[in-house]
Amino acid sequence: MSKPALLMSACLCGQAVRYDATGKPLPAEWAARLSARFAIVPVCPEMAGGLPAPRAPCEIRGGDGYDVLAGRAEVMTAAGDNLSLPFCRGATRAADLAREHDCHVALLKANSPSCGSGTIYSGDFDGRHKNGDGVCAAALRRAGLAVFSELELEQLLQEAEQA
């Protein structure tokens, strides 16, 4: 029997795709545990949407990822550039990739304007957080995936064992 697929933020796989062209790889023990349980499908929604690495840091102003998808909020740089379109395009591509690989679970980078799951930055570039999902996390939840951050690894594995 083949392993179920896990859609995973490429930065958590160690790929240098973040806004500052770095990765945020999981600790080796966790990477091994996840790889033993899942077929990992890496994705960086921001790069899938056409943004480069490095790129200007972004935050969501006026709501969360659901609001961005609905056109009620915007993904902005500190300089005032609106990058909502590439964020939405990347979220759509991530959801398509999840369907292609029959992913039912996603592990995404905490606090990100794309991948944040339950908590994202405030939108004021002040280091504070607010409740909400990033654009990709919102799109994946809408597509029926269970979404976790790297702060919820135990919970992800527990739920996977029960499935």
C-alpha atoms as a PDB file:
ATOM      1  CA  MET A   1       0.000   0.000   0.000  1.00  0.00           C
ATOM      2  CA  SER A   2       1.378   3.413  -0.923  1.00  0.00           C
ATOM      3  CA  LYS A   3       1.738   6.230   1.579  1.00  0.00           C
ATOM      4  CA  PRO A   4      -0.789   9.072   1.609  1.00  0.00           C
ATOM      5  CA  ALA A   5       0.426  12.356   0.152  1.00  0.00           C
ATOM      6  CA  LEU A   6       1.183  15.385   2.338  1.00  0.00           C
ATOM      7  CA  LEU A   7       1.245  18.821   0.711  1.00  0.00           C
ATOM      8  CA  MET A   8       4.040  20.673   2.491  1.00  0.00           C
ATOM      9  CA  SER A   9       5.480  24.175   2.378  1.00  0.00           C
ATOM     10  CA  ALA A  10       8.677  23.910   0.370  1.00  0.00           C
ATOM     11  CA  CYS A  11      10.522  26.077   2.906  1.00  0.00           C
ATOM     12  CA  LEU A  12       9.815  23.439   5.575  1.00  0.00           C
ATOM     13  CA  CYS A  13      11.516  20.942   3.248  1.00  0.00           C
ATOM     14  CA  GLY A  14      14.606  23.178   3.349  1.00  0.00           C
ATOM     15  CA  GLN A  15      14.152  24.791  -0.062  1.00  0.00           C
ATOM     16  CA  ALA A  16      15.357  28.419  -0.243  1.00  0.00           C
ATOM     17  CA  VAL A  17      11.985  29.829  -1.318  1.00  0.00           C
ATOM     18  CA  ARG A  18      11.040  32.212   1.501  1.00  0.00           C
ATOM     19  CA  TYR A  19      10.871  35.970   1.005  1.00  0.00           C
ATOM     20  CA  ASP A  20      14.509  36.225   2.172  1.00  0.00           C
ATOM     21  CA  ALA A  21      15.604  33.314  -0.085  1.00  0.00           C
ATOM     22  CA  THR A  22      16.101  30.941   2.849  1.00  0.00           C
ATOM     23  CA  GLY A  23      14.432  27.750   3.968  1.00  0.00           C
ATOM     24  CA  LYS A  24      13.055  26.823   7.384  1.00  0.00           C
ATOM     25  CA  PRO A  25      13.685  23.073   7.384  1.00  0.00           C
ATOM     26  CA  LEU A  26      12.020  20.934   9.987  1.00  0.00           C
ATOM     27  CA  PRO A  27      14.279  19.253  12.544  1.00  0.00           C
ATOM     28  CA  ALA A  28      15.726  16.030  11.092  1.00  0.00           C
ATOM     29  CA  GLU A  29      13.716  13.835  13.474  1.00  0.00           C
ATOM     30  CA  TRP A  30      10.428  15.353  12.331  1.00  0.00           C
ATOM     31  CA  ALA A  31      11.388  15.258   8.665  1.00  0.00           C
ATOM     32  CA  ALA A  32      12.159  11.543   9.033  1.00  0.00           C
ATOM     33  CA  ARG A  33       8.901  10.830  10.876  1.00  0.00           C
ATOM     34  CA  LEU A  34       6.846  12.617   8.247  1.00  0.00           C
ATOM     35  CA  SER A  35       8.698  10.973   5.364  1.00  0.00           C
ATOM     36  CA  ALA A  36       8.086   7.562   6.923  1.00  0.00           C
ATOM     37  CA  ARG A  37       4.344   8.258   7.089  1.00  0.00           C
ATOM     38  CA  PHE A  38       3.707  10.371   3.976  1.00  0.00           C
ATOM     39  CA  ALA A  39       4.771  10.958   0.393  1.00  0.00           C
ATOM     40  CA  ILE A  40       5.838  14.611   0.640  1.00  0.00           C
ATOM     41  CA  VAL A  41       4.601  16.995  -2.075  1.00  0.00           C
ATOM     42  CA  PRO A  42       6.489  20.304  -1.654  1.00  0.00           C
ATOM     43  CA  VAL A  43       4.999  23.607  -2.806  1.00  0.00           C
ATOM     44  CA  CYS A  44       5.757  27.293  -2.342  1.00  0.00           C
ATOM     45  CA  PRO A  45       2.513  29.078  -3.207  1.00  0.00           C
ATOM     46  CA  GLU A  46       4.234  32.440  -3.533  1.00  0.00           C
ATOM     47  CA  MET A  47       6.710  31.146  -6.082  1.00  0.00           C
ATOM     48  CA  ALA A  48       3.978  29.101  -7.786  1.00  0.00           C
ATOM     49  CA  GLY A  49       2.147  32.410  -8.164  1.00  0.00           C
ATOM     50  CA  GLY A  50       5.124  33.917  -9.979  1.00  0.00           C
ATOM     51  CA  LEU A  51       7.013  35.727  -7.212  1.00  0.00           C
ATOM     52  CA  PRO A  52      10.815  35.426  -6.971  1.00  0.00           C
ATOM     53  CA  ALA A  53      13.066  34.610  -4.025  1.00  0.00           C
ATOM     54  CA  PRO A  54      14.114  36.930  -2.551  1.00  0.00           C
ATOM     55  CA  ARG A  55      11.034  39.166  -2.558  1.00  0.00           C
ATOM     56  CA  ALA A  56       9.645  41.917  -0.367  1.00  0.00           C
ATOM     57  CA  PRO A  57       7.976  40.671   2.816  1.00  0.00           C
ATOM     58  CA  CYS A  58       4.176  40.829   2.661  1.00  0.00           C
ATOM     59  CA  GLU A  59       1.290  40.934   5.086  1.00  0.00           C
ATOM     60  CA  ILE A  60      -2.474  40.823   4.657  1.00  0.00           C
ATOM     61  CA  ARG A  61      -4.274  44.115   5.235  1.00  0.00           C
ATOM     62  CA  GLY A  62      -8.008  44.309   5.820  1.00  0.00           C
ATOM     63  CA  GLY A  63      -8.720  40.710   6.786  1.00  0.00           C
ATOM     64  CA  ASP A  64      -7.272  37.264   6.214  1.00  0.00           C
ATOM     65  CA  GLY A  65      -6.731  34.843   3.345  1.00  0.00           C
ATOM     66  CA  TYR A  66     -10.448  34.192   2.879  1.00  0.00           C
ATOM     67  CA  ASP A  67     -10.951  37.926   2.502  1.00  0.00           C
ATOM     68  CA  VAL A  68      -8.115  38.166  -0.034  1.00  0.00           C
ATOM     69  CA  LEU A  69      -9.672  35.349  -2.080  1.00  0.00           C
ATOM     70  CA  ALA A  70     -13.000  37.223  -1.986  1.00  0.00           C
ATOM     71  CA  GLY A  71     -11.402  40.561  -2.959  1.00  0.00           C
ATOM     72  CA  ARG A  72     -12.151  42.200   0.413  1.00  0.00           C
ATOM     73  CA  ALA A  73      -8.527  42.380   1.641  1.00  0.00           C
ATOM     74  CA  GLU A  74      -5.107  42.755   0.061  1.00  0.00           C
ATOM     75  CA  VAL A  75      -1.645  41.226   0.344  1.00  0.00           C
ATOM     76  CA  MET A  76       0.699  44.200   0.582  1.00  0.00           C
ATOM     77  CA  THR A  77       4.393  44.946   0.884  1.00  0.00           C
ATOM     78  CA  ALA A  78       5.538  47.552   3.418  1.00  0.00           C
ATOM     79  CA  ALA A  79       6.162  49.874   0.439  1.00  0.00           C
ATOM     80  CA  GLY A  80       2.493  49.603  -0.544  1.00  0.00           C
ATOM     81  CA  ASP A  81       2.710  47.225  -3.498  1.00  0.00           C
ATOM     82  CA  ASN A  82      -0.371  45.028  -3.847  1.00  0.00           C
ATOM     83  CA  LEU A  83       0.644  41.394  -4.478  1.00  0.00           C
ATOM     84  CA  SER A  84      -2.794  39.853  -4.013  1.00  0.00           C
ATOM     85  CA  LEU A  85      -2.935  38.476  -7.551  1.00  0.00           C
ATOM     86  CA  PRO A  86       0.210  36.320  -7.363  1.00  0.00           C
ATOM     87  CA  PHE A  87      -0.792  35.124  -3.878  1.00  0.00           C
ATOM     88  CA  CYS A  88      -4.220  34.070  -5.160  1.00  0.00           C
ATOM     89  CA  ARG A  89      -2.713  32.489  -8.271  1.00  0.00           C
ATOM     90  CA  GLY A  90      -0.254  30.510  -6.118  1.00  0.00           C
ATOM     91  CA  ALA A  91      -3.004  29.388  -3.738  1.00  0.00           C
ATOM     92  CA  THR A  92      -4.989  28.086  -6.697  1.00  0.00           C
ATOM     93  CA  ARG A  93      -1.952  26.232  -8.030  1.00  0.00           C
ATOM     94  CA  ALA A  94      -1.315  24.700  -4.595  1.00  0.00           C
ATOM     95  CA  ALA A  95      -4.934  23.506  -4.403  1.00  0.00           C
ATOM     96  CA  ASP A  96      -4.592  22.047  -7.913  1.00  0.00           C
ATOM     97  CA  LEU A  97      -1.389  20.260  -6.883  1.00  0.00           C
ATOM     98  CA  ALA A  98      -3.155  18.849  -3.820  1.00  0.00           C
ATOM     99  CA  ARG A  99      -5.923  17.452  -6.044  1.00  0.00           C
ATOM    100  CA  GLU A 100      -3.406  16.022  -8.544  1.00  0.00           C
ATOM    101  CA  HIS A 101      -1.637  14.131  -5.745  1.00  0.00           C
ATOM    102  CA  ASP A 102      -4.800  13.250  -3.793  1.00  0.00           C
ATOM    103  CA  CYS A 103      -3.585  15.158  -0.730  1.00  0.00           C
ATOM    104  CA  HIS A 104      -6.019  15.398   2.154  1.00  0.00           C
ATOM    105  CA  VAL A 105      -3.565  17.020   4.571  1.00  0.00           C
ATOM    106  CA  ALA A 106      -1.242  20.027   4.317  1.00  0.00           C
ATOM    107  CA  LEU A 107       1.661  21.124   6.520  1.00  0.00           C
ATOM    108  CA  LEU A 108       2.246  24.839   6.039  1.00  0.00           C
ATOM    109  CA  LYS A 109       4.605  27.489   7.455  1.00  0.00           C
ATOM    110  CA  ALA A 110       3.155  29.255  10.474  1.00  0.00           C
ATOM    111  CA  ASN A 111       2.238  32.961  10.319  1.00  0.00           C
ATOM    112  CA  SER A 112       2.894  33.352   6.581  1.00  0.00           C
ATOM    113  CA  PRO A 113       0.518  35.498   4.485  1.00  0.00           C
ATOM    114  CA  SER A 114       0.243  32.462   2.187  1.00  0.00           C
ATOM    115  CA  CYS A 115       0.603  29.529   4.524  1.00  0.00           C
ATOM    116  CA  GLY A 116      -0.333  30.791   7.968  1.00  0.00           C
ATOM    117  CA  SER A 117      -2.801  28.436   9.624  1.00  0.00           C
ATOM    118  CA  GLY A 118      -4.909  30.097  12.301  1.00  0.00           C
ATOM    119  CA  THR A 119      -2.444  32.937  12.866  1.00  0.00           C
ATOM    120  CA  ILE A 120      -0.920  35.461  10.460  1.00  0.00           C
ATOM    121  CA  TYR A 121       0.974  38.732  10.849  1.00  0.00           C
ATOM    122  CA  SER A 122      -1.144  41.769  11.709  1.00  0.00           C
ATOM    123  CA  GLY A 123      -0.869  43.592   8.374  1.00  0.00           C
ATOM    124  CA  ASP A 124       0.933  46.537   9.988  1.00  0.00           C
ATOM    125  CA  PHE A 125       4.520  45.173   9.721  1.00  0.00           C
ATOM    126  CA  ASP A 126       4.849  45.538  13.490  1.00  0.00           C
ATOM    127  CA  GLY A 127       5.739  41.924  14.355  1.00  0.00           C
ATOM    128  CA  ARG A 128       2.342  41.281  15.935  1.00  0.00           C
ATOM    129  CA  HIS A 129      -0.031  38.481  14.959  1.00  0.00           C
ATOM    130  CA  LYS A 130      -3.767  38.214  14.436  1.00  0.00           C
ATOM    131  CA  ASN A 131      -6.146  35.307  14.070  1.00  0.00           C
ATOM    132  CA  GLY A 132      -6.702  34.135  10.529  1.00  0.00           C
ATOM    133  CA  ASP A 133      -5.467  31.928   7.719  1.00  0.00           C
ATOM    134  CA  GLY A 134      -3.129  32.891   4.921  1.00  0.00           C
ATOM    135  CA  VAL A 135      -4.320  32.882   1.314  1.00  0.00           C
ATOM    136  CA  CYS A 136      -3.103  29.368   0.498  1.00  0.00           C
ATOM    137  CA  ALA A 137      -4.272  27.912   3.814  1.00  0.00           C
ATOM    138  CA  ALA A 138      -7.733  29.356   3.156  1.00  0.00           C
ATOM    139  CA  ALA A 139      -7.829  27.932  -0.388  1.00  0.00           C
ATOM    140  CA  LEU A 140      -6.720  24.498   0.831  1.00  0.00           C
ATOM    141  CA  ARG A 141      -9.289  24.442   3.635  1.00  0.00           C
ATOM    142  CA  ARG A 142     -11.963  25.372   1.089  1.00  0.00           C
ATOM    143  CA  ALA A 143     -10.756  22.444  -1.025  1.00  0.00           C
ATOM    144  CA  GLY A 144     -11.337  20.134   1.962  1.00  0.00           C
ATOM    145  CA  LEU A 145      -7.789  19.641   3.229  1.00  0.00           C
ATOM    146  CA  ALA A 146      -6.877  19.483   6.900  1.00  0.00           C
ATOM    147  CA  VAL A 147      -4.248  22.200   7.372  1.00  0.00           C
ATOM    148  CA  PHE A 148      -1.549  22.202  10.062  1.00  0.00           C
ATOM    149  CA  SER A 149       1.495  24.354  10.812  1.00  0.00           C
ATOM    150  CA  GLU A 150       4.905  23.150  11.915  1.00  0.00           C
ATOM    151  CA  LEU A 151       3.782  24.040  15.448  1.00  0.00           C
ATOM    152  CA  GLU A 152       1.181  21.248  15.258  1.00  0.00           C
ATOM    153  CA  LEU A 153       3.274  18.266  14.157  1.00  0.00           C
ATOM    154  CA  GLU A 154       2.130  15.928  16.932  1.00  0.00           C
ATOM    155  CA  GLN A 155      -1.500  16.717  16.170  1.00  0.00           C
ATOM    156  CA  LEU A 156      -0.931  16.123  12.444  1.00  0.00           C
ATOM    157  CA  LEU A 157       0.589  12.687  13.097  1.00  0.00           C
ATOM    158  CA  GLN A 158      -2.114  11.756  15.620  1.00  0.00           C
ATOM    159  CA  GLU A 159      -4.881  12.618  13.191  1.00  0.00           C
ATOM    160  CA  ALA A 160      -3.085  10.766  10.387  1.00  0.00           C
ATOM    161  CA  GLU A 161      -2.929   7.639  12.536  1.00  0.00           C
ATOM    162  CA  GLN A 162      -6.679   7.838  13.190  1.00  0.00           C
ATOM    163  CA  ALA A 163      -7.542   8.264   9.506  1.00  0.00           C
END
